[in-house]
Amino acid sequence: MDFYYWKSERPPNAAEAEVFAALNSQKLYVRLFDVDLQLGNPEPQGILANFDKEILPAEYVPVVFITNRTFVNISEESLDNLVTKVFSLTDKIMSDHFGSYMELQIDCDWTESTKTSFFSFLEKLKALSKKNISCTLRLHQVKYKETTGVPPVQKTYLMAYATSNPLGEEDINSILDISLLKDYLQNINEYPVDFDVALPLYSWAVVTNHLGNKLLINGVSEDDLNPTEYKEITPGNYELEDNVFLRGIYLNRGFKLKLETISPELLLEAKKYLNQKIKRPYSIVYYHLDTLFTDRFTLEDLL
């Protein structure tokens, strides 16, 4: 059992390092920075600035998230520049904080319209870096691989979550719905690239205001919802009884809130399904290492 680490403002704390060690985890997949368009040009954002690897002994694997729109109508020159910039910054951060590394993972929700540019990026990055380049694999990229294509990598990481749009109207858990997971993975054993599986530990609240506009507030759990301020209408659905601050965000009385979490029971159900369905060896990577989420599970839940 390994973990992603998605915080740029601080390194893992002692409690997180303890969970990592107790599970005999070996790898920590650390997000180094994002890439998105700024004034039409791809630029790094949210760069990791503070990390002490001595807190948590591990094999550190760098991860770079790149938005899909970065690859829309990108020119060959811009693509070459992007490859150089991503590798140079990755190499500097790894040298400054972590040391040597073998693998570089790219996280991108590519689509049919961007697959050519994204796959070219992966090939160019491999040639320049001389590293093992891997990438994430979203559920729709499995189900519709004939149109979204198969990335030119030796290994992918199947993100077995985000089964629906959290801002949609469906009355389901958008982080992980087992019936939707099964639908997306009907033909997973035919996927031609090796993969490990990423499973979610996170939670959030979907808040709807009086105009029907929605926003996500990350990390919310039942412990955040005082019964005197949040009236539960149906299981997991609340109406605000007062004006409140929720994780630093001001919400008005009358707003609706839908709580979406991963329970130990849901996590176990997902793992049982994947174990029965997938007919090849794979490892699990949890998203992500944060006591805000890991404290909700026992070590046995995560094994």
Protein backbone atom coordinates (compact mmCIF):
# COMPACT_ATOMS: atom_id res chain seq x y z
CA MET A 1 0.00 0.00 0.00
CA ASP A 2 1.53 3.27 -1.12
CA PHE A 3 0.30 6.87 -1.06
CA TYR A 4 0.01 10.05 -3.02
CA TYR A 5 1.02 13.25 -1.26
CA TRP A 6 -0.72 16.35 -2.58
CA LYS A 7 0.30 19.19 -0.25
CA SER A 8 2.75 21.82 -1.44
CA GLU A 9 2.82 23.95 1.70
CA ARG A 10 4.15 21.39 4.19
CA PRO A 11 5.92 18.02 4.38
CA PRO A 12 4.23 14.99 6.00
CA ASN A 13 3.84 15.29 9.75
CA ALA A 14 4.85 12.67 12.32
CA ALA A 15 1.37 11.08 12.41
CA GLU A 16 1.32 10.68 8.63
CA ALA A 17 4.81 9.19 8.67
CA GLU A 18 3.61 6.76 11.33
CA VAL A 19 0.71 5.57 9.16
CA PHE A 20 3.06 5.18 6.20
CA ALA A 21 5.48 3.08 8.24
CA ALA A 22 2.79 1.00 9.95
CA LEU A 23 1.44 -0.10 6.56
CA ASN A 24 4.98 -0.96 5.35
CA SER A 25 4.49 1.48 2.51
CA GLN A 26 7.46 1.98 0.21
CA LYS A 27 6.62 4.75 -2.25
CA LEU A 28 5.30 8.26 -1.81
CA TYR A 29 4.03 9.87 -5.02
CA VAL A 30 4.62 13.56 -4.41
CA ARG A 31 2.93 16.27 -6.45
CA LEU A 32 5.69 18.73 -7.31
CA PHE A 33 3.64 21.32 -9.23
CA ASP A 34 0.76 21.88 -11.64
CA VAL A 35 0.91 23.21 -15.19
CA ASP A 36 -1.91 25.33 -16.59
CA LEU A 37 -2.34 28.12 -19.12
CA GLN A 38 -1.54 31.68 -18.05
CA LEU A 39 -2.13 34.33 -20.71
CA GLY A 40 -2.19 31.52 -23.25
CA ASN A 41 1.13 29.97 -22.19
CA PRO A 42 1.75 26.81 -20.10
CA GLU A 43 3.18 27.82 -16.74
CA PRO A 44 3.96 25.95 -13.50
CA GLN A 45 1.77 26.68 -10.49
CA GLY A 46 1.69 25.64 -6.84
CA ILE A 47 5.33 24.61 -6.81
CA LEU A 48 6.47 22.47 -3.89
CA ALA A 49 8.65 24.65 -1.72
CA ASN A 50 9.01 22.99 1.65
CA PHE A 51 9.86 19.35 2.19
CA ASP A 52 12.01 17.35 4.57
CA LYS A 53 12.43 13.80 3.32
CA GLU A 54 14.01 12.74 6.63
CA ILE A 55 10.56 12.85 8.24
CA LEU A 56 9.37 9.98 6.09
CA PRO A 57 11.89 7.52 4.61
CA ALA A 58 10.51 6.38 1.25
CA GLU A 59 11.13 6.05 -2.44
CA TYR A 60 9.89 9.39 -3.70
CA VAL A 61 8.17 9.47 -7.09
CA PRO A 62 7.57 12.94 -8.57
CA VAL A 63 4.12 13.71 -9.98
CA VAL A 64 3.27 16.67 -12.21
CA PHE A 65 -0.36 17.56 -12.89
CA ILE A 66 -1.03 19.15 -16.28
CA THR A 67 -4.46 20.44 -17.27
CA ASN A 68 -6.02 19.01 -20.40
CA ARG A 69 -6.52 22.48 -21.87
CA THR A 70 -2.75 22.92 -21.89
CA PHE A 71 -2.62 20.49 -24.82
CA VAL A 72 -5.48 21.99 -26.84
CA ASN A 73 -4.10 23.25 -30.18
CA ILE A 74 -0.57 23.41 -28.77
CA SER A 75 2.13 24.06 -31.36
CA GLU A 76 5.15 21.80 -31.80
CA GLU A 77 7.44 24.54 -30.55
CA SER A 78 5.34 25.11 -27.44
CA LEU A 79 5.21 21.37 -26.85
CA ASP A 80 9.00 21.14 -26.97
CA ASN A 81 9.28 24.08 -24.59
CA LEU A 82 6.79 22.46 -22.23
CA VAL A 83 8.78 19.22 -22.17
CA THR A 84 11.98 21.10 -21.35
CA LYS A 85 10.34 23.25 -18.68
CA VAL A 86 8.59 20.33 -16.95
CA PHE A 87 11.71 18.19 -16.83
CA SER A 88 14.03 21.01 -15.76
CA LEU A 89 11.79 22.07 -12.89
CA THR A 90 11.14 18.47 -11.84
CA ASP A 91 14.85 17.70 -11.84
CA LYS A 92 15.64 20.80 -9.79
CA ILE A 93 13.01 20.09 -7.14
CA MET A 94 14.04 16.45 -6.88
CA SER A 95 17.70 17.44 -6.59
CA ASP A 96 16.94 20.06 -3.94
CA HIS A 97 14.63 17.94 -1.78
CA PHE A 98 14.71 14.23 -2.63
CA GLY A 99 17.77 13.11 -4.56
CA SER A 100 17.80 10.56 -7.37
CA TYR A 101 14.63 9.14 -8.90
CA MET A 102 13.73 6.56 -11.53
CA GLU A 103 10.12 7.39 -12.40
CA LEU A 104 8.26 10.58 -13.32
CA GLN A 105 4.46 10.43 -13.32
CA ILE A 106 2.30 12.80 -15.36
CA ASP A 107 -1.29 13.36 -14.24
CA CYS A 108 -3.54 14.60 -17.05
CA ASP A 109 -7.16 14.02 -17.97
CA TRP A 110 -6.45 13.89 -21.69
CA THR A 111 -9.29 13.48 -24.21
CA GLU A 112 -9.76 12.41 -27.80
CA SER A 113 -8.96 15.92 -29.01
CA THR A 114 -5.70 16.22 -27.02
CA LYS A 115 -4.40 12.65 -27.10
CA THR A 116 -2.00 13.24 -30.01
CA SER A 117 -0.32 16.20 -28.31
CA PHE A 118 -0.30 14.58 -24.88
CA PHE A 119 1.13 11.29 -26.14
CA SER A 120 3.79 13.22 -28.07
CA PHE A 121 4.62 15.07 -24.85
CA LEU A 122 5.10 11.77 -23.01
CA GLU A 123 7.41 10.42 -25.72
CA LYS A 124 9.49 13.62 -25.83
CA LEU A 125 9.71 13.71 -22.04
CA LYS A 126 10.97 10.14 -21.93
CA ALA A 127 13.61 10.87 -24.56
CA LEU A 128 14.83 13.99 -22.76
CA SER A 129 14.70 12.75 -19.17
CA LYS A 130 15.85 9.14 -19.65
CA LYS A 131 13.37 8.31 -16.85
CA ASN A 132 10.54 5.81 -16.64
CA ILE A 133 7.57 7.96 -17.63
CA SER A 134 4.19 6.87 -16.29
CA CYS A 135 0.80 8.56 -16.30
CA THR A 136 -2.56 8.44 -14.62
CA LEU A 137 -5.48 6.61 -16.22
CA ARG A 138 -9.01 7.84 -15.63
CA LEU A 139 -12.07 5.64 -15.83
CA HIS A 140 -13.43 7.09 -19.07
CA GLN A 141 -10.02 6.52 -20.70
CA VAL A 142 -10.43 2.82 -19.96
CA LYS A 143 -14.02 2.45 -21.14
CA TYR A 144 -13.47 4.51 -24.29
CA LYS A 145 -9.87 3.58 -25.07
CA GLU A 146 -10.66 3.20 -28.79
CA THR A 147 -11.32 6.95 -29.00
CA THR A 148 -9.16 8.38 -26.18
CA GLY A 149 -6.21 6.18 -27.14
CA VAL A 150 -3.63 4.28 -25.11
CA PRO A 151 -0.66 6.31 -23.79
CA PRO A 152 2.89 5.36 -24.88
CA VAL A 153 4.07 4.39 -21.40
CA GLN A 154 5.00 1.13 -19.72
CA LYS A 155 2.79 1.75 -16.70
CA THR A 156 -0.32 3.71 -15.77
CA TYR A 157 -2.16 4.39 -12.52
CA LEU A 158 -5.87 3.62 -12.71
CA MET A 159 -7.81 6.23 -10.76
CA ALA A 160 -10.66 4.10 -9.41
CA TYR A 161 -12.68 7.08 -8.22
CA ALA A 162 -14.29 10.31 -9.47
CA THR A 163 -17.03 8.15 -10.96
CA SER A 164 -19.31 11.11 -11.71
CA ASN A 165 -19.43 14.90 -11.78
CA PRO A 166 -19.71 16.27 -8.20
CA LEU A 167 -21.46 19.37 -9.54
CA GLY A 168 -24.04 17.36 -11.44
CA GLU A 169 -27.56 16.54 -10.35
CA GLU A 170 -27.11 12.83 -9.62
CA ASP A 171 -28.08 11.72 -6.14
CA ILE A 172 -25.05 9.47 -5.76
CA ASN A 173 -21.60 9.65 -4.22
CA SER A 174 -19.59 11.28 -7.00
CA ILE A 175 -16.26 10.29 -5.44
CA LEU A 176 -16.98 6.59 -5.70
CA ASP A 177 -20.11 4.76 -6.79
CA ILE A 178 -19.57 1.01 -7.12
CA SER A 179 -22.19 0.49 -9.84
CA LEU A 180 -20.57 3.18 -12.00
CA LEU A 181 -17.10 1.80 -11.25
CA LYS A 182 -18.24 -1.60 -12.53
CA ASP A 183 -19.65 -0.02 -15.68
CA TYR A 184 -16.42 1.80 -16.50
CA LEU A 185 -14.25 -1.25 -15.82
CA GLN A 186 -16.19 -3.91 -17.71
CA ASN A 187 -13.23 -4.49 -20.04
CA ILE A 188 -10.37 -3.56 -17.73
CA ASN A 189 -8.60 -6.88 -18.31
CA GLU A 190 -8.26 -6.01 -21.98
CA TYR A 191 -6.31 -2.83 -21.24
CA PRO A 192 -2.94 -3.22 -23.00
CA VAL A 193 -0.76 -1.34 -20.48
CA ASP A 194 0.18 -2.47 -16.97
CA PHE A 195 -1.35 -0.48 -14.13
CA ASP A 196 -1.55 -0.02 -10.40
CA VAL A 197 -4.79 1.17 -8.82
CA ALA A 198 -5.37 4.46 -6.98
CA LEU A 199 -8.19 4.47 -4.42
CA PRO A 200 -9.69 7.51 -2.64
CA LEU A 201 -9.62 8.36 1.05
CA TYR A 202 -10.74 11.97 0.68
CA SER A 203 -14.08 13.67 1.26
CA TRP A 204 -15.80 16.92 0.36
CA ALA A 205 -19.03 18.83 0.64
CA VAL A 206 -21.06 19.94 -2.36
CA VAL A 207 -22.75 23.21 -1.39
CA THR A 208 -25.70 24.66 -3.34
CA ASN A 209 -26.73 28.28 -2.83
CA HIS A 210 -30.14 29.91 -3.29
CA LEU A 211 -29.54 30.35 -7.04
CA GLY A 212 -28.62 26.71 -7.58
CA ASN A 213 -24.90 27.42 -7.98
CA LYS A 214 -22.60 24.77 -6.54
CA LEU A 215 -19.14 24.71 -5.06
CA LEU A 216 -16.87 22.07 -3.53
CA ILE A 217 -15.32 22.38 -0.08
CA ASN A 218 -12.57 19.80 0.38
CA GLY A 219 -11.95 17.75 3.49
CA VAL A 220 -15.37 18.11 5.11
CA SER A 221 -16.60 15.29 7.36
CA GLU A 222 -19.59 14.73 9.67
CA ASP A 223 -17.50 16.08 12.55
CA ASP A 224 -17.55 19.52 10.87
CA LEU A 225 -21.33 19.67 10.77
CA ASN A 226 -22.74 20.89 14.08
CA PRO A 227 -26.34 19.59 14.38
CA THR A 228 -27.49 23.01 15.62
CA GLU A 229 -26.25 24.60 12.39
CA TYR A 230 -26.80 21.81 9.84
CA LYS A 231 -30.18 20.10 9.68
CA GLU A 232 -29.97 16.65 8.08
CA ILE A 233 -32.83 16.33 5.57
CA THR A 234 -31.95 12.90 4.21
CA PRO A 235 -28.81 10.79 4.89
CA GLY A 236 -25.82 12.87 3.80
CA ASN A 237 -27.92 15.89 2.76
CA TYR A 238 -28.22 18.98 4.96
CA GLU A 239 -29.78 22.43 5.09
CA LEU A 240 -27.99 25.25 6.88
CA GLU A 241 -29.91 26.55 9.87
CA ASP A 242 -27.57 29.51 10.36
CA ASN A 243 -24.83 31.54 8.66
CA VAL A 244 -21.55 29.65 9.18
CA PHE A 245 -17.93 29.37 8.19
CA LEU A 246 -17.04 25.90 6.88
CA ARG A 247 -13.30 25.36 6.45
CA GLY A 248 -12.83 29.07 6.01
CA ILE A 249 -15.67 29.55 3.52
CA TYR A 250 -18.71 31.65 4.48
CA LEU A 251 -22.08 29.99 3.86
CA ASN A 252 -25.56 31.43 4.27
CA ARG A 253 -28.56 30.05 6.08
CA GLY A 254 -30.75 28.04 3.72
CA PHE A 255 -27.87 26.73 1.59
CA LYS A 256 -28.00 23.01 0.87
CA LEU A 257 -25.03 20.73 1.56
CA LYS A 258 -24.33 17.24 0.29
CA LEU A 259 -21.60 15.37 2.17
CA GLU A 260 -19.59 12.85 0.16
CA THR A 261 -17.12 10.65 2.01
CA ILE A 262 -15.35 7.32 1.69
CA SER A 263 -16.40 5.05 4.53
CA PRO A 264 -14.39 1.98 5.53
CA GLU A 265 -17.27 -0.13 4.25
CA LEU A 266 -17.27 1.55 0.82
CA LEU A 267 -13.49 1.24 0.56
CA LEU A 268 -13.69 -2.47 1.40
CA GLU A 269 -16.44 -3.01 -1.19
CA ALA A 270 -14.33 -1.33 -3.86
CA LYS A 271 -11.25 -3.38 -2.99
CA LYS A 272 -13.23 -6.63 -3.03
CA TYR A 273 -14.66 -5.82 -6.45
CA LEU A 274 -11.28 -4.87 -7.91
CA ASN A 275 -9.65 -7.99 -6.46
CA GLN A 276 -12.27 -10.20 -8.08
CA LYS A 277 -12.38 -8.29 -11.36
CA ILE A 278 -8.74 -7.61 -12.22
CA LYS A 279 -6.88 -10.67 -13.44
CA ARG A 280 -3.32 -9.34 -13.18
CA PRO A 281 -1.06 -8.31 -10.30
CA TYR A 282 -1.41 -4.71 -9.14
CA SER A 283 -0.62 -2.53 -6.14
CA ILE A 284 -2.84 0.02 -4.42
CA VAL A 285 -1.93 3.69 -4.07
CA TYR A 286 -4.16 5.72 -1.77
CA TYR A 287 -5.09 9.32 -2.55
CA HIS A 288 -3.82 10.75 -0.33
CA LEU A 289 -1.61 10.75 2.78
CA ASP A 290 -3.28 13.22 5.13
CA THR A 291 -4.34 12.56 8.71
CA LEU A 292 -7.53 14.47 7.96
CA PHE A 293 -8.50 11.37 5.97
CA THR A 294 -6.36 8.51 7.29
CA ASP A 295 -7.63 9.07 10.86
CA ARG A 296 -11.05 7.91 9.66
CA PHE A 297 -9.70 4.42 8.98
CA THR A 298 -8.01 1.71 11.00
CA LEU A 299 -4.80 0.16 9.71
CA GLU A 300 -6.81 -2.98 8.97
CA ASP A 301 -9.14 -0.94 6.75
CA LEU A 302 -6.18 0.18 4.66
CA LEU A 303 -4.42 -3.17 4.33
